[in-house]
Amino acid sequence: MDLKNRWVHFQIRDVYLPEPHNLLDALHGCDLLQGRVVETSDSGMQPGAFLVVEVEGIDQPVIVPVKRVLGAL
């Protein structure tokens, strides 16, 4: 089957180049996420520098620098 000039479907995880995390950053790097803070963490020297956040739809908590939080409810 000749696929040249055809539209195809595939999963991001199956992309060979660029690396999937680079592709996700290019597509969604500026998207805003919202989640519930479940813990704070230090940076070794600075207490409370990071937040551990549960985000709906993501299996494991994400860690975000406190200084990068854009707002809180």
PDB file of N, CA and C in Angstrom:
ATOM      1  N   MET A   1       0.845  -1.172   0.000  1.00  0.00           N
ATOM      2  CA  MET A   1       0.000   0.000   0.000  1.00  0.00           C
ATOM      3  C   MET A   1       0.895   1.241   0.000  1.00  0.00           C
ATOM      4  N   ASP A   2       0.640   2.153  -0.885  1.00  0.00           N
ATOM      5  CA  ASP A   2       1.396   3.405  -0.958  1.00  0.00           C
ATOM      6  C   ASP A   2       0.745   4.419  -0.017  1.00  0.00           C
ATOM      7  N   LEU A   3       1.466   4.832   1.038  1.00  0.00           N
ATOM      8  CA  LEU A   3       0.917   5.757   2.025  1.00  0.00           C
ATOM      9  C   LEU A   3       1.333   7.202   1.801  1.00  0.00           C
ATOM     10  N   LYS A   4       2.182   7.439   0.831  1.00  0.00           N
ATOM     11  CA  LYS A   4       2.652   8.802   0.585  1.00  0.00           C
ATOM     12  C   LYS A   4       1.461   9.707   0.280  1.00  0.00           C
ATOM     13  N   ASN A   5       1.439  10.885   0.949  1.00  0.00           N
ATOM     14  CA  ASN A   5       0.393  11.897   0.822  1.00  0.00           C
ATOM     15  C   ASN A   5      -0.945  11.458   1.406  1.00  0.00           C
ATOM     16  N   ARG A   6      -0.942  10.416   2.258  1.00  0.00           N
ATOM     17  CA  ARG A   6      -2.161   9.966   2.923  1.00  0.00           C
ATOM     18  C   ARG A   6      -2.124  10.431   4.373  1.00  0.00           C
ATOM     19  N   TRP A   7      -3.268  10.647   4.972  1.00  0.00           N
ATOM     20  CA  TRP A   7      -3.372  10.961   6.399  1.00  0.00           C
ATOM     21  C   TRP A   7      -3.385   9.650   7.158  1.00  0.00           C
ATOM     22  N   VAL A   8      -2.645   9.577   8.263  1.00  0.00           N
ATOM     23  CA  VAL A   8      -2.588   8.358   9.069  1.00  0.00           C
ATOM     24  C   VAL A   8      -2.834   8.698  10.545  1.00  0.00           C
ATOM     25  N   HIS A   9      -3.175   7.694  11.326  1.00  0.00           N
ATOM     26  CA  HIS A   9      -3.400   7.831  12.771  1.00  0.00           C
ATOM     27  C   HIS A   9      -2.355   7.005  13.491  1.00  0.00           C
ATOM     28  N   PHE A  10      -1.869   7.520  14.622  1.00  0.00           N
ATOM     29  CA  PHE A  10      -0.896   6.784  15.425  1.00  0.00           C
ATOM     30  C   PHE A  10      -0.861   7.401  16.808  1.00  0.00           C
ATOM     31  N   GLN A  11      -0.312   6.664  17.764  1.00  0.00           N
ATOM     32  CA  GLN A  11      -0.202   7.138  19.137  1.00  0.00           C
ATOM     33  C   GLN A  11       1.118   7.874  19.330  1.00  0.00           C
ATOM     34  N   ILE A  12       1.096   8.900  20.176  1.00  0.00           N
ATOM     35  CA  ILE A  12       2.295   9.686  20.457  1.00  0.00           C
ATOM     36  C   ILE A  12       3.423   8.783  20.953  1.00  0.00           C
ATOM     37  N   ARG A  13       3.101   7.779  21.753  1.00  0.00           N
ATOM     38  CA  ARG A  13       4.137   6.900  22.312  1.00  0.00           C
ATOM     39  C   ARG A  13       4.882   6.128  21.232  1.00  0.00           C
ATOM     40  N   ASP A  14       4.311   6.026  20.025  1.00  0.00           N
ATOM     41  CA  ASP A  14       4.926   5.270  18.946  1.00  0.00           C
ATOM     42  C   ASP A  14       5.798   6.118  18.020  1.00  0.00           C
ATOM     43  N   VAL A  15       5.859   7.422  18.276  1.00  0.00           N
ATOM     44  CA  VAL A  15       6.687   8.301  17.442  1.00  0.00           C
ATOM     45  C   VAL A  15       8.158   7.980  17.706  1.00  0.00           C
ATOM     46  N   TYR A  16       8.919   7.854  16.656  1.00  0.00           N
ATOM     47  CA  TYR A  16      10.349   7.544  16.760  1.00  0.00           C
ATOM     48  C   TYR A  16      11.178   8.824  16.901  1.00  0.00           C
ATOM     49  N   LEU A  17      10.921   9.804  16.074  1.00  0.00           N
ATOM     50  CA  LEU A  17      11.566  11.121  16.142  1.00  0.00           C
ATOM     51  C   LEU A  17      10.524  12.195  15.892  1.00  0.00           C
ATOM     52  N   PRO A  18      10.507  13.298  16.573  1.00  0.00           N
ATOM     53  CA  PRO A  18      11.309  13.615  17.752  1.00  0.00           C
ATOM     54  C   PRO A  18      10.850  12.750  18.929  1.00  0.00           C
ATOM     55  N   GLU A  19      11.624  12.758  19.992  1.00  0.00           N
ATOM     56  CA  GLU A  19      11.284  11.959  21.163  1.00  0.00           C
ATOM     57  C   GLU A  19       9.884  12.349  21.647  1.00  0.00           C
ATOM     58  N   PRO A  20       9.091  11.377  22.096  1.00  0.00           N
ATOM     59  CA  PRO A  20       7.713  11.663  22.505  1.00  0.00           C
ATOM     60  C   PRO A  20       7.588  12.800  23.514  1.00  0.00           C
ATOM     61  N   HIS A  21       8.502  12.912  24.483  1.00  0.00           N
ATOM     62  CA  HIS A  21       8.370  14.000  25.455  1.00  0.00           C
ATOM     63  C   HIS A  21       8.593  15.362  24.787  1.00  0.00           C
ATOM     64  N   ASN A  22       9.443  15.435  23.769  1.00  0.00           N
ATOM     65  CA  ASN A  22       9.627  16.698  23.036  1.00  0.00           C
ATOM     66  C   ASN A  22       8.375  17.039  22.235  1.00  0.00           C
ATOM     67  N   LEU A  23       7.769  16.027  21.650  1.00  0.00           N
ATOM     68  CA  LEU A  23       6.543  16.225  20.889  1.00  0.00           C
ATOM     69  C   LEU A  23       5.414  16.715  21.795  1.00  0.00           C
ATOM     70  N   LEU A  24       5.273  16.090  22.953  1.00  0.00           N
ATOM     71  CA  LEU A  24       4.243  16.521  23.903  1.00  0.00           C
ATOM     72  C   LEU A  24       4.482  17.949  24.364  1.00  0.00           C
ATOM     73  N   ASP A  25       5.730  18.303  24.594  1.00  0.00           N
ATOM     74  CA  ASP A  25       6.045  19.668  25.007  1.00  0.00           C
ATOM     75  C   ASP A  25       5.675  20.661  23.906  1.00  0.00           C
ATOM     76  N   ALA A  26       5.964  20.327  22.660  1.00  0.00           N
ATOM     77  CA  ALA A  26       5.633  21.222  21.541  1.00  0.00           C
ATOM     78  C   ALA A  26       4.114  21.372  21.378  1.00  0.00           C
ATOM     79  N   LEU A  27       3.383  20.281  21.569  1.00  0.00           N
ATOM     80  CA  LEU A  27       1.931  20.314  21.388  1.00  0.00           C
ATOM     81  C   LEU A  27       1.183  20.878  22.589  1.00  0.00           C
ATOM     82  N   HIS A  28       1.656  20.556  23.795  1.00  0.00           N
ATOM     83  CA  HIS A  28       0.868  20.864  24.995  1.00  0.00           C
ATOM     84  C   HIS A  28       1.666  21.519  26.117  1.00  0.00           C
ATOM     85  N   GLY A  29       2.874  21.958  25.842  1.00  0.00           N
ATOM     86  CA  GLY A  29       3.725  22.519  26.884  1.00  0.00           C
ATOM     87  C   GLY A  29       3.151  23.728  27.595  1.00  0.00           C
ATOM     88  N   CYS A  30       2.260  24.455  26.959  1.00  0.00           N
ATOM     89  CA  CYS A  30       1.662  25.655  27.568  1.00  0.00           C
ATOM     90  C   CYS A  30       0.254  25.408  28.107  1.00  0.00           C
ATOM     91  N   ASP A  31      -0.236  24.173  27.980  1.00  0.00           N
ATOM     92  CA  ASP A  31      -1.551  23.847  28.544  1.00  0.00           C
ATOM     93  C   ASP A  31      -1.505  24.010  30.056  1.00  0.00           C
ATOM     94  N   LEU A  32      -2.626  24.439  30.643  1.00  0.00           N
ATOM     95  CA  LEU A  32      -2.704  24.571  32.090  1.00  0.00           C
ATOM     96  C   LEU A  32      -3.309  23.311  32.691  1.00  0.00           C
ATOM     97  N   LEU A  33      -2.716  22.834  33.775  1.00  0.00           N
ATOM     98  CA  LEU A  33      -3.249  21.709  34.527  1.00  0.00           C
ATOM     99  C   LEU A  33      -3.739  22.228  35.873  1.00  0.00           C
ATOM    100  N   GLN A  34      -4.659  21.491  36.461  1.00  0.00           N
ATOM    101  CA  GLN A  34      -5.178  21.831  37.773  1.00  0.00           C
ATOM    102  C   GLN A  34      -5.198  20.565  38.607  1.00  0.00           C
ATOM    103  N   GLY A  35      -4.805  20.666  39.850  1.00  0.00           N
ATOM    104  CA  GLY A  35      -4.811  19.507  40.714  1.00  0.00           C
ATOM    105  C   GLY A  35      -4.810  19.899  42.172  1.00  0.00           C
ATOM    106  N   ARG A  36      -4.892  18.896  43.028  1.00  0.00           N
ATOM    107  CA  ARG A  36      -4.953  19.090  44.475  1.00  0.00           C
ATOM    108  C   ARG A  36      -3.584  18.794  45.078  1.00  0.00           C
ATOM    109  N   VAL A  37      -3.087  19.750  45.863  1.00  0.00           N
ATOM    110  CA  VAL A  37      -1.794  19.575  46.531  1.00  0.00           C
ATOM    111  C   VAL A  37      -1.966  18.545  47.636  1.00  0.00           C
ATOM    112  N   VAL A  38      -1.139  17.484  47.604  1.00  0.00           N
ATOM    113  CA  VAL A  38      -1.212  16.446  48.624  1.00  0.00           C
ATOM    114  C   VAL A  38      -0.002  16.467  49.556  1.00  0.00           C
ATOM    115  N   GLU A  39       1.042  17.185  49.155  1.00  0.00           N
ATOM    116  CA  GLU A  39       2.259  17.225  49.974  1.00  0.00           C
ATOM    117  C   GLU A  39       3.157  18.351  49.471  1.00  0.00           C
ATOM    118  N   THR A  40       4.038  18.814  50.338  1.00  0.00           N
ATOM    119  CA  THR A  40       5.100  19.730  49.921  1.00  0.00           C
ATOM    120  C   THR A  40       6.426  19.010  50.103  1.00  0.00           C
ATOM    121  N   SER A  41       7.417  19.461  49.369  1.00  0.00           N
ATOM    122  CA  SER A  41       8.730  18.818  49.434  1.00  0.00           C
ATOM    123  C   SER A  41       9.793  19.903  49.393  1.00  0.00           C
ATOM    124  N   ASP A  42      10.964  19.571  49.894  1.00  0.00           N
ATOM    125  CA  ASP A  42      12.049  20.553  49.877  1.00  0.00           C
ATOM    126  C   ASP A  42      12.976  20.302  48.699  1.00  0.00           C
ATOM    127  N   SER A  43      13.892  21.220  48.497  1.00  0.00           N
ATOM    128  CA  SER A  43      14.879  21.075  47.421  1.00  0.00           C
ATOM    129  C   SER A  43      16.221  20.645  47.993  1.00  0.00           C
ATOM    130  N   GLY A  44      16.215  20.203  49.231  1.00  0.00           N
ATOM    131  CA  GLY A  44      17.460  19.868  49.912  1.00  0.00           C
ATOM    132  C   GLY A  44      17.859  20.974  50.856  1.00  0.00           C
ATOM    133  N   MET A  45      17.855  22.190  50.336  1.00  0.00           N
ATOM    134  CA  MET A  45      18.229  23.343  51.160  1.00  0.00           C
ATOM    135  C   MET A  45      17.037  24.246  51.434  1.00  0.00           C
ATOM    136  N   GLN A  46      16.064  24.263  50.567  1.00  0.00           N
ATOM    137  CA  GLN A  46      14.930  25.167  50.705  1.00  0.00           C
ATOM    138  C   GLN A  46      13.659  24.363  51.009  1.00  0.00           C
ATOM    139  N   PRO A  47      13.112  24.488  52.227  1.00  0.00           N
ATOM    140  CA  PRO A  47      11.899  23.750  52.561  1.00  0.00           C
ATOM    141  C   PRO A  47      10.695  24.234  51.755  1.00  0.00           C
ATOM    142  N   GLY A  48       9.811  23.324  51.391  1.00  0.00           N
ATOM    143  CA  GLY A  48       8.579  23.679  50.697  1.00  0.00           C
ATOM    144  C   GLY A  48       8.770  24.223  49.304  1.00  0.00           C
ATOM    145  N   ALA A  49       9.841  23.898  48.639  1.00  0.00           N
ATOM    146  CA  ALA A  49      10.121  24.444  47.307  1.00  0.00           C
ATOM    147  C   ALA A  49       9.284  23.786  46.209  1.00  0.00           C
ATOM    148  N   PHE A  50       8.778  22.580  46.482  1.00  0.00           N
ATOM    149  CA  PHE A  50       8.014  21.839  45.479  1.00  0.00           C
ATOM    150  C   PHE A  50       6.679  21.389  46.051  1.00  0.00           C
ATOM    151  N   LEU A  51       5.709  21.229  45.172  1.00  0.00           N
ATOM    152  CA  LEU A  51       4.405  20.689  45.542  1.00  0.00           C
ATOM    153  C   LEU A  51       4.215  19.337  44.881  1.00  0.00           C
ATOM    154  N   VAL A  52       3.628  18.417  45.601  1.00  0.00           N
ATOM    155  CA  VAL A  52       3.213  17.132  45.049  1.00  0.00           C
ATOM    156  C   VAL A  52       1.717  17.270  44.798  1.00  0.00           C
ATOM    157  N   VAL A  53       1.313  17.125  43.527  1.00  0.00           N
ATOM    158  CA  VAL A  53      -0.055  17.450  43.122  1.00  0.00           C
ATOM    159  C   VAL A  53      -0.704  16.258  42.424  1.00  0.00           C
ATOM    160  N   GLU A  54      -1.932  15.919  42.854  1.00  0.00           N
ATOM    161  CA  GLU A  54      -2.725  14.901  42.164  1.00  0.00           C
ATOM    162  C   GLU A  54      -3.551  15.598  41.087  1.00  0.00           C
ATOM    163  N   VAL A  55      -3.412  15.129  39.849  1.00  0.00           N
ATOM    164  CA  VAL A  55      -4.135  15.693  38.713  1.00  0.00           C
ATOM    165  C   VAL A  55      -5.040  14.610  38.147  1.00  0.00           C
ATOM    166  N   GLU A  56      -6.318  14.920  38.006  1.00  0.00           N
ATOM    167  CA  GLU A  56      -7.268  13.958  37.464  1.00  0.00           C
ATOM    168  C   GLU A  56      -6.832  13.517  36.069  1.00  0.00           C
ATOM    169  N   GLY A  57      -6.822  12.212  35.836  1.00  0.00           N
ATOM    170  CA  GLY A  57      -6.446  11.670  34.543  1.00  0.00           C
ATOM    171  C   GLY A  57      -4.973  11.296  34.428  1.00  0.00           C
ATOM    172  N   ILE A  58      -4.171  11.656  35.439  1.00  0.00           N
ATOM    173  CA  ILE A  58      -2.756  11.286  35.448  1.00  0.00           C
ATOM    174  C   ILE A  58      -2.560  10.296  36.589  1.00  0.00           C
ATOM    175  N   ASP A  59      -1.985   9.138  36.292  1.00  0.00           N
ATOM    176  CA  ASP A  59      -1.904   8.038  37.252  1.00  0.00           C
ATOM    177  C   ASP A  59      -1.052   8.316  38.480  1.00  0.00           C
ATOM    178  N   GLN A  60       0.004   9.085  38.337  1.00  0.00           N
ATOM    179  CA  GLN A  60       0.857   9.354  39.488  1.00  0.00           C
ATOM    180  C   GLN A  60       0.908  10.850  39.749  1.00  0.00           C
ATOM    181  N   PRO A  61       1.144  11.242  41.003  1.00  0.00           N
ATOM    182  CA  PRO A  61       1.227  12.672  41.311  1.00  0.00           C
ATOM    183  C   PRO A  61       2.356  13.340  40.524  1.00  0.00           C
ATOM    184  N   VAL A  62       2.175  14.615  40.249  1.00  0.00           N
ATOM    185  CA  VAL A  62       3.210  15.400  39.569  1.00  0.00           C
ATOM    186  C   VAL A  62       3.882  16.306  40.599  1.00  0.00           C
ATOM    187  N   ILE A  63       5.131  16.639  40.357  1.00  0.00           N
ATOM    188  CA  ILE A  63       5.877  17.525  41.251  1.00  0.00           C
ATOM    189  C   ILE A  63       6.139  18.818  40.500  1.00  0.00           C
ATOM    190  N   VAL A  64       5.754  19.928  41.139  1.00  0.00           N
ATOM    191  CA  VAL A  64       5.818  21.242  40.507  1.00  0.00           C
ATOM    192  C   VAL A  64       6.530  22.213  41.448  1.00  0.00           C
ATOM    193  N   PRO A  65       7.459  23.021  40.938  1.00  0.00           N
ATOM    194  CA  PRO A  65       8.064  24.051  41.794  1.00  0.00           C
ATOM    195  C   PRO A  65       6.994  25.057  42.238  1.00  0.00           C
ATOM    196  N   VAL A  66       6.988  25.407  43.492  1.00  0.00           N
ATOM    197  CA  VAL A  66       6.014  26.354  44.033  1.00  0.00           C
ATOM    198  C   VAL A  66       6.051  27.657  43.251  1.00  0.00           C
ATOM    199  N   LYS A  67       7.233  28.117  42.867  1.00  0.00           N
ATOM    200  CA  LYS A  67       7.356  29.404  42.170  1.00  0.00           C
ATOM    201  C   LYS A  67       6.727  29.378  40.773  1.00  0.00           C
ATOM    202  N   ARG A  68       6.371  28.188  40.244  1.00  0.00           N
ATOM    203  CA  ARG A  68       5.756  28.084  38.913  1.00  0.00           C
ATOM    204  C   ARG A  68       4.222  27.989  38.985  1.00  0.00           C
ATOM    205  N   VAL A  69       3.660  27.943  40.194  1.00  0.00           N
ATOM    206  CA  VAL A  69       2.204  27.893  40.346  1.00  0.00           C
ATOM    207  C   VAL A  69       1.621  29.246  39.950  1.00  0.00           C
ATOM    208  N   LEU A  70       0.611  29.216  39.082  1.00  0.00           N
ATOM    209  CA  LEU A  70       0.029  30.451  38.559  1.00  0.00           C
ATOM    210  C   LEU A  70      -1.145  30.952  39.386  1.00  0.00           C
ATOM    211  N   GLY A  71      -1.690  30.129  40.241  1.00  0.00           N
ATOM    212  CA  GLY A  71      -2.814  30.535  41.077  1.00  0.00           C
ATOM    213  C   GLY A  71      -3.271  29.375  41.935  1.00  0.00           C
ATOM    214  N   ALA A  72      -4.099  29.687  42.919  1.00  0.00           N
ATOM    215  CA  ALA A  72      -4.635  28.658  43.813  1.00  0.00           C
ATOM    216  C   ALA A  72      -6.084  28.980  44.121  1.00  0.00           C
ATOM    217  N   LEU A  73      -6.882  27.936  44.283  1.00  0.00           N
ATOM    218  CA  LEU A  73      -8.296  28.105  44.633  1.00  0.00           C
ATOM    219  C   LEU A  73      -8.528  27.686  46.061  1.00  0.00           C
TER     220      LEU A  73
END
